[in-house]
Amino acid sequence: MRRHLPLSLLAGVLPVIAMLSPALAATQESQMWITEMATIHASKDDLVTIDASQRARSDTGSGGEQFLARIALDHRISPAVQVGGAIAYLKSEVDQELRFHQQVTLSKGIWQARTRMEERFFDNVDTASWRLRQRLQASVPLDRAKQWTMVAVTEFFFHLNRARPSDRTGLAVMRQQIGLRHPIGKNLDAQLLYMRQQTFREARPDVVAHIPWLTLSWRI
């Protein structure tokens, strides 16, 4: 067993503790997300990712069902550092969004840290919404063959401006995820996570969503 395993397991325990801490005066809802993803090695250091997500969400709390389609390019500038960007289209029952992002990803062992800046353009808002996302992930192999991997993630979303009257500047969303990843075919992985997502709102109760999230990933 690897000597770093106890420390890595701590990364999985901490998000669970946060999930079990009740949100005060929060509205609870259930969602379900499914994502299909294909990653293509365009070159030794360039990775193209195409993904689509279907998100079953509450009509009242989250704006109804949402569809996302995205294409991203990441370039490795060193063994531990990647830089990249993407364009995405999102459509829900209340609005449409064109989203761009730029990001830096740092990797070392089981750890991965990502900083992402997003520019969001809604069809019903004149001003672009700017959002900063900070993400930390631990991927812990559970067996010697690395057929089963525990994944634990925490992520914070910060609104940098108030594009819509309902926007809250500063910390706006917090996510914790925990689950398993397992290969189910040649170049095909399945990942099933539980995600707790808390949306902070001003003068209204927060919205806490409990989300099972299935991701199918193809490597090309």
Protein backbone atom coordinates (compact mmCIF):
# COMPACT_ATOMS: atom_id res chain seq x y z
CA MET A 1 0.00 0.00 0.00
CA ARG A 2 1.28 3.43 -0.85
CA ARG A 3 2.48 5.52 2.03
CA HIS A 4 0.43 8.53 0.90
CA LEU A 5 -2.88 6.65 1.09
CA PRO A 6 -3.98 7.89 4.56
CA LEU A 7 -3.46 11.51 3.49
CA SER A 8 -5.33 10.97 0.25
CA LEU A 9 -8.24 9.35 2.05
CA LEU A 10 -8.49 12.50 4.12
CA ALA A 11 -9.28 14.36 0.90
CA GLY A 12 -12.29 12.13 0.51
CA VAL A 13 -13.41 12.44 4.13
CA LEU A 14 -13.39 16.24 4.23
CA PRO A 15 -15.94 16.70 1.41
CA VAL A 16 -18.18 14.10 3.08
CA ILE A 17 -18.06 16.06 6.33
CA ALA A 18 -19.07 19.19 4.43
CA MET A 19 -21.93 17.30 2.76
CA LEU A 20 -23.27 16.16 6.13
CA SER A 21 -23.27 19.69 7.55
CA PRO A 22 -26.83 20.99 7.06
CA ALA A 23 -27.29 24.29 5.26
CA LEU A 24 -29.20 26.70 7.46
CA ALA A 25 -32.58 27.76 6.08
CA ALA A 26 -31.79 26.23 2.69
CA THR A 27 -34.17 24.94 0.02
CA GLN A 28 -33.42 21.30 -0.81
CA GLU A 29 -33.84 19.81 -4.27
CA SER A 30 -32.80 16.71 -6.20
CA GLN A 31 -31.24 16.66 -9.65
CA MET A 32 -29.67 14.07 -11.95
CA TRP A 33 -26.82 14.70 -14.41
CA ILE A 34 -25.50 12.54 -17.26
CA THR A 35 -22.36 13.47 -19.20
CA GLU A 36 -20.82 11.91 -22.32
CA MET A 37 -17.21 12.85 -23.01
CA ALA A 38 -14.62 12.07 -25.69
CA THR A 39 -10.93 13.00 -25.36
CA ILE A 40 -8.70 13.10 -28.43
CA HIS A 41 -4.90 13.32 -28.37
CA ALA A 42 -4.34 15.81 -31.17
CA SER A 43 -0.59 15.67 -30.48
CA LYS A 44 1.78 14.60 -27.73
CA ASP A 45 0.98 17.71 -25.69
CA ASP A 46 -2.47 18.73 -26.99
CA LEU A 47 -5.74 17.24 -25.81
CA VAL A 48 -9.15 18.01 -27.35
CA THR A 49 -12.22 17.27 -25.23
CA ILE A 50 -15.78 17.20 -26.54
CA ASP A 51 -18.56 16.70 -24.03
CA ALA A 52 -22.31 16.98 -23.64
CA SER A 53 -24.41 16.97 -20.47
CA GLN A 54 -28.09 16.49 -19.77
CA ARG A 55 -29.18 17.89 -16.41
CA ALA A 56 -32.61 17.14 -14.93
CA ARG A 57 -33.22 20.07 -12.57
CA SER A 58 -36.03 21.71 -10.62
CA ASP A 59 -38.22 24.19 -12.49
CA THR A 60 -38.51 26.52 -9.49
CA GLY A 61 -35.05 26.36 -7.91
CA SER A 62 -32.71 25.95 -10.88
CA GLY A 63 -34.52 27.00 -14.03
CA GLY A 64 -35.58 23.61 -15.32
CA GLU A 65 -33.77 21.02 -17.41
CA GLN A 66 -30.46 22.09 -18.94
CA PHE A 67 -28.37 20.89 -21.86
CA LEU A 68 -24.65 21.67 -22.24
CA ALA A 69 -22.33 21.11 -25.22
CA ARG A 70 -18.64 22.05 -25.06
CA ILE A 71 -15.35 21.72 -26.91
CA ALA A 72 -12.06 22.35 -25.13
CA LEU A 73 -8.33 22.36 -25.93
CA ASP A 74 -5.64 21.80 -23.30
CA HIS A 75 -1.90 22.11 -23.94
CA ARG A 76 0.73 20.59 -21.65
CA ILE A 77 3.63 22.98 -21.05
CA SER A 78 5.37 20.76 -18.49
CA PRO A 79 4.70 17.36 -16.86
CA ALA A 80 2.76 19.10 -14.09
CA VAL A 81 1.13 22.06 -15.87
CA GLN A 82 -1.58 22.36 -18.52
CA VAL A 83 -3.18 25.50 -19.95
CA GLY A 84 -6.34 25.54 -22.00
CA GLY A 85 -9.63 27.07 -23.02
CA ALA A 86 -13.08 26.15 -24.25
CA ILE A 87 -16.35 27.34 -25.71
CA ALA A 88 -19.69 25.98 -24.49
CA TYR A 89 -23.38 26.38 -25.26
CA LEU A 90 -26.00 25.89 -22.55
CA LYS A 91 -29.78 25.91 -22.87
CA SER A 92 -32.32 25.69 -20.07
CA GLU A 93 -36.05 26.34 -19.87
CA VAL A 94 -35.46 29.99 -18.90
CA ASP A 95 -32.38 31.12 -20.84
CA GLN A 96 -29.55 30.32 -23.23
CA GLU A 97 -25.86 30.88 -22.53
CA LEU A 98 -22.67 31.09 -24.55
CA ARG A 99 -19.69 30.48 -22.28
CA PHE A 100 -15.94 30.83 -22.74
CA HIS A 101 -13.30 29.76 -20.27
CA GLN A 102 -9.54 29.82 -19.79
CA GLN A 103 -7.84 27.58 -17.25
CA VAL A 104 -4.61 26.37 -15.68
CA THR A 105 -4.40 22.81 -14.32
CA LEU A 106 -1.67 21.59 -11.96
CA SER A 107 -1.15 17.85 -11.39
CA LYS A 108 1.06 15.91 -8.99
CA GLY A 109 0.48 12.29 -8.04
CA ILE A 110 -3.12 11.78 -6.97
CA TRP A 111 -3.74 15.54 -6.77
CA GLN A 112 -5.10 17.93 -9.38
CA ALA A 113 -5.79 21.64 -8.87
CA ARG A 114 -7.56 23.81 -11.45
CA THR A 115 -8.16 27.53 -11.74
CA ARG A 116 -10.75 28.52 -14.35
CA MET A 117 -11.98 31.95 -15.48
CA GLU A 118 -15.35 32.03 -17.24
CA GLU A 119 -17.06 34.67 -19.36
CA ARG A 120 -20.80 33.97 -19.59
CA PHE A 121 -23.13 35.61 -22.14
CA PHE A 122 -26.87 35.11 -21.56
CA ASP A 123 -29.51 35.81 -24.17
CA ASN A 124 -31.59 37.84 -21.69
CA VAL A 125 -28.77 39.90 -20.10
CA ASP A 126 -26.81 42.77 -21.65
CA THR A 127 -23.69 42.43 -19.46
CA ALA A 128 -21.26 39.52 -19.49
CA SER A 129 -21.02 37.56 -16.25
CA TRP A 130 -17.47 36.88 -15.02
CA ARG A 131 -16.90 33.88 -12.77
CA LEU A 132 -13.79 32.39 -11.15
CA ARG A 133 -13.71 28.70 -10.25
CA GLN A 134 -11.19 27.02 -7.94
CA ARG A 135 -11.17 23.20 -7.92
CA LEU A 136 -9.17 20.56 -6.03
CA GLN A 137 -9.42 16.84 -6.83
CA ALA A 138 -7.91 13.67 -5.40
CA SER A 139 -8.01 10.43 -7.41
CA VAL A 140 -7.07 7.48 -5.20
CA PRO A 141 -6.52 4.00 -6.73
CA LEU A 142 -8.23 1.38 -4.57
CA ASP A 143 -6.51 -1.69 -6.02
CA ARG A 144 -3.10 -2.54 -7.48
CA ALA A 145 -4.48 -2.87 -11.01
CA LYS A 146 -6.07 0.60 -10.72
CA GLN A 147 -9.40 -0.73 -11.91
CA TRP A 148 -11.25 1.12 -9.16
CA THR A 149 -10.48 4.73 -8.30
CA MET A 150 -12.06 6.85 -5.60
CA VAL A 151 -12.61 10.44 -6.72
CA ALA A 152 -13.10 13.31 -4.26
CA VAL A 153 -13.58 16.90 -5.42
CA THR A 154 -14.27 20.27 -3.85
CA GLU A 155 -14.90 23.39 -5.94
CA PHE A 156 -15.75 27.03 -5.22
CA PHE A 157 -17.39 29.50 -7.64
CA PHE A 158 -16.88 33.24 -7.24
CA HIS A 159 -18.95 35.84 -9.11
CA LEU A 160 -16.74 38.79 -9.97
CA ASN A 161 -19.56 41.09 -11.08
CA ARG A 162 -23.33 41.38 -10.85
CA ALA A 163 -24.59 40.78 -14.39
CA ARG A 164 -28.12 39.92 -13.25
CA PRO A 165 -30.10 41.35 -10.32
CA SER A 166 -30.15 37.90 -8.69
CA ASP A 167 -26.36 37.45 -8.89
CA ARG A 168 -24.35 37.44 -5.67
CA THR A 169 -20.79 38.76 -5.87
CA GLY A 170 -18.12 36.79 -4.05
CA LEU A 171 -18.67 33.14 -3.16
CA ALA A 172 -21.74 32.06 -5.12
CA VAL A 173 -21.63 28.26 -5.40
CA MET A 174 -19.88 25.45 -3.53
CA ARG A 175 -19.66 21.85 -4.73
CA GLN A 176 -18.45 18.66 -3.06
CA GLN A 177 -18.28 15.37 -4.94
CA ILE A 178 -17.31 11.82 -4.03
CA GLY A 179 -17.60 8.62 -6.02
CA LEU A 180 -15.90 5.91 -8.07
CA ARG A 181 -14.38 5.56 -11.53
CA HIS A 182 -14.05 2.18 -13.27
CA PRO A 183 -13.18 1.04 -16.84
CA ILE A 184 -16.12 -0.73 -18.50
CA GLY A 185 -14.62 -1.33 -21.94
CA LYS A 186 -11.67 -0.65 -24.18
CA ASN A 187 -10.86 3.07 -23.84
CA LEU A 188 -14.18 3.59 -22.01
CA ASP A 189 -14.56 4.59 -18.36
CA ALA A 190 -17.64 5.12 -16.21
CA GLN A 191 -17.64 7.48 -13.27
CA LEU A 192 -20.50 7.76 -10.77
CA LEU A 193 -20.42 10.56 -8.23
CA TYR A 194 -22.66 12.01 -5.59
CA MET A 195 -22.49 15.82 -5.69
CA ARG A 196 -23.77 18.28 -3.14
CA GLN A 197 -24.13 21.72 -4.68
CA GLN A 198 -24.98 24.76 -2.58
CA THR A 199 -25.98 28.01 -4.29
CA PHE A 200 -25.72 31.06 -2.03
CA ARG A 201 -28.39 33.72 -2.51
CA GLU A 202 -28.93 37.16 -1.02
CA ALA A 203 -32.14 37.82 0.94
CA ARG A 204 -33.41 34.35 0.02
CA PRO A 205 -32.70 30.83 1.30
CA ASP A 206 -29.77 29.06 -0.31
CA VAL A 207 -30.50 26.20 -2.70
CA VAL A 208 -28.86 22.86 -1.88
CA ALA A 209 -29.02 20.28 -4.67
CA HIS A 210 -28.29 16.57 -4.23
CA ILE A 211 -27.10 15.18 -7.54
CA PRO A 212 -26.11 11.70 -8.73
CA TRP A 213 -23.81 12.31 -11.71
CA LEU A 214 -22.89 9.62 -14.25
CA THR A 215 -20.07 10.34 -16.71
CA LEU A 216 -19.03 8.11 -19.62
CA SER A 217 -15.55 8.93 -20.97
CA TRP A 218 -14.07 7.69 -24.24
CA ARG A 219 -10.33 8.02 -25.00
CA ILE A 220 -9.55 8.28 -28.73
